[in-house]
């Protein structure tokens, strides 16, 4: 049995190079027979579309802000909402009550309400039976209001860590209370959701991992000694300056160490200046955004993936590296330790500590046998618990149960082995 469809997947920007896990999830659900349509609040800059797959997805995605800015479209949506005055009144009250303090917060929520009415009209026209949101901040507010205005049930995937810094601003408790279910990407995310919601709603919090396609990254474990790789946004939260400092220190003992940086972002110019100031020169290469196939190729050509973040959920790039048979060095933040076992699938270090990071880089760069063993263990862990197809099947079970309460929900995941 499949869930009644079609269903609509909504996020702030879709598709884009930094969120390929959403694209994989959509593809896996479609492969299971579910009709999934996609919507994006904003149209992603084509520069952030990596590869033909993302360009094709972008062409078939409904762009909500553009539609809302068309006066005739907004007017038609408002008139349609007036046919259900009680729902409209509830949505308007909810938008006002859940707005952050001050005039600016109220104004933003009125914009979100307008977008929600347009989304509600779009869903009715398309026969949408369920709305699911990723990244439960502003687009999550739109989804909650659209569900209230339309009567179409909604759910969302809770990632973090950003929303956990300001749960009241984003009305996280209200979103959980009104959702049919919540997919938490880790036990850490589920615990944070429990912290900011009522115990009566905890039974709707389920761990559904973001996943990867292990076959895409299959290759021999190990990799060259002195090739390091970072994949992610070049933003403050990723801690790339700490990685550059650690690389400079590690190169004193291993001058052949090289680092490839895949990604882009607001800190790129500052990171390039720091690399030059540290005398790293050609030891650091900036590649910008790459598609999934290119990232898989880069992983095949590297020895160790390094992710020195200050805050994370469960980074998909770590799953990709482990699926490729590569050990990882990561910081012990958020849900990272639920994926990376220290000294088994990689090394965990304290965040913001370049000396500890340099020591970890040196320890793995000179030990091919250790890297290969970690790579084999990591690949098995990803195949067992982070396969996108398995996680999509788990999510499909939640969708089915939301539409037919007589059906069982997936059981709670077993506790990870010590």
Foldseek 3Di string as FASTA:
>chain_A
DFFDDDAEEEEAEPDFLFPCLVVLLVVLLVVVPHRYAYEHQAYDDVLRQFDPSRVVNSVRYHHQVVQLPPVVLLVVLVVVLVVVVVLLVVLLVVLQVLFPDDPVSSVLSVVLLSSLSSVLVVCVVVVGQEYEYEPCASRVSSRLSNCSSNVRAYEYEFWDDVCLVPVSNRVLQVSLVRHLAYEYQFVLSLVSSPVNYDPVSSVRYAHQHRFDALVLQEDAAFAALAEEEEEHELDVQQQVLLVLLLVLVLCVVVVSHAYEYEAYYDCVVVSVVSNVVSVVPRSYHYDHHHHPNVLSVVLNHGAEYETQGPAGAADHVCLSNLSNLFAYEYEPHHRPCVQDPDQQQYHYDHHPDSNVVSVRSNVRSVDRVSGNRSSVRNSVSSVVRRHSSVSSVLVRQSSNCSVPVVRDHDDHDDDDDD
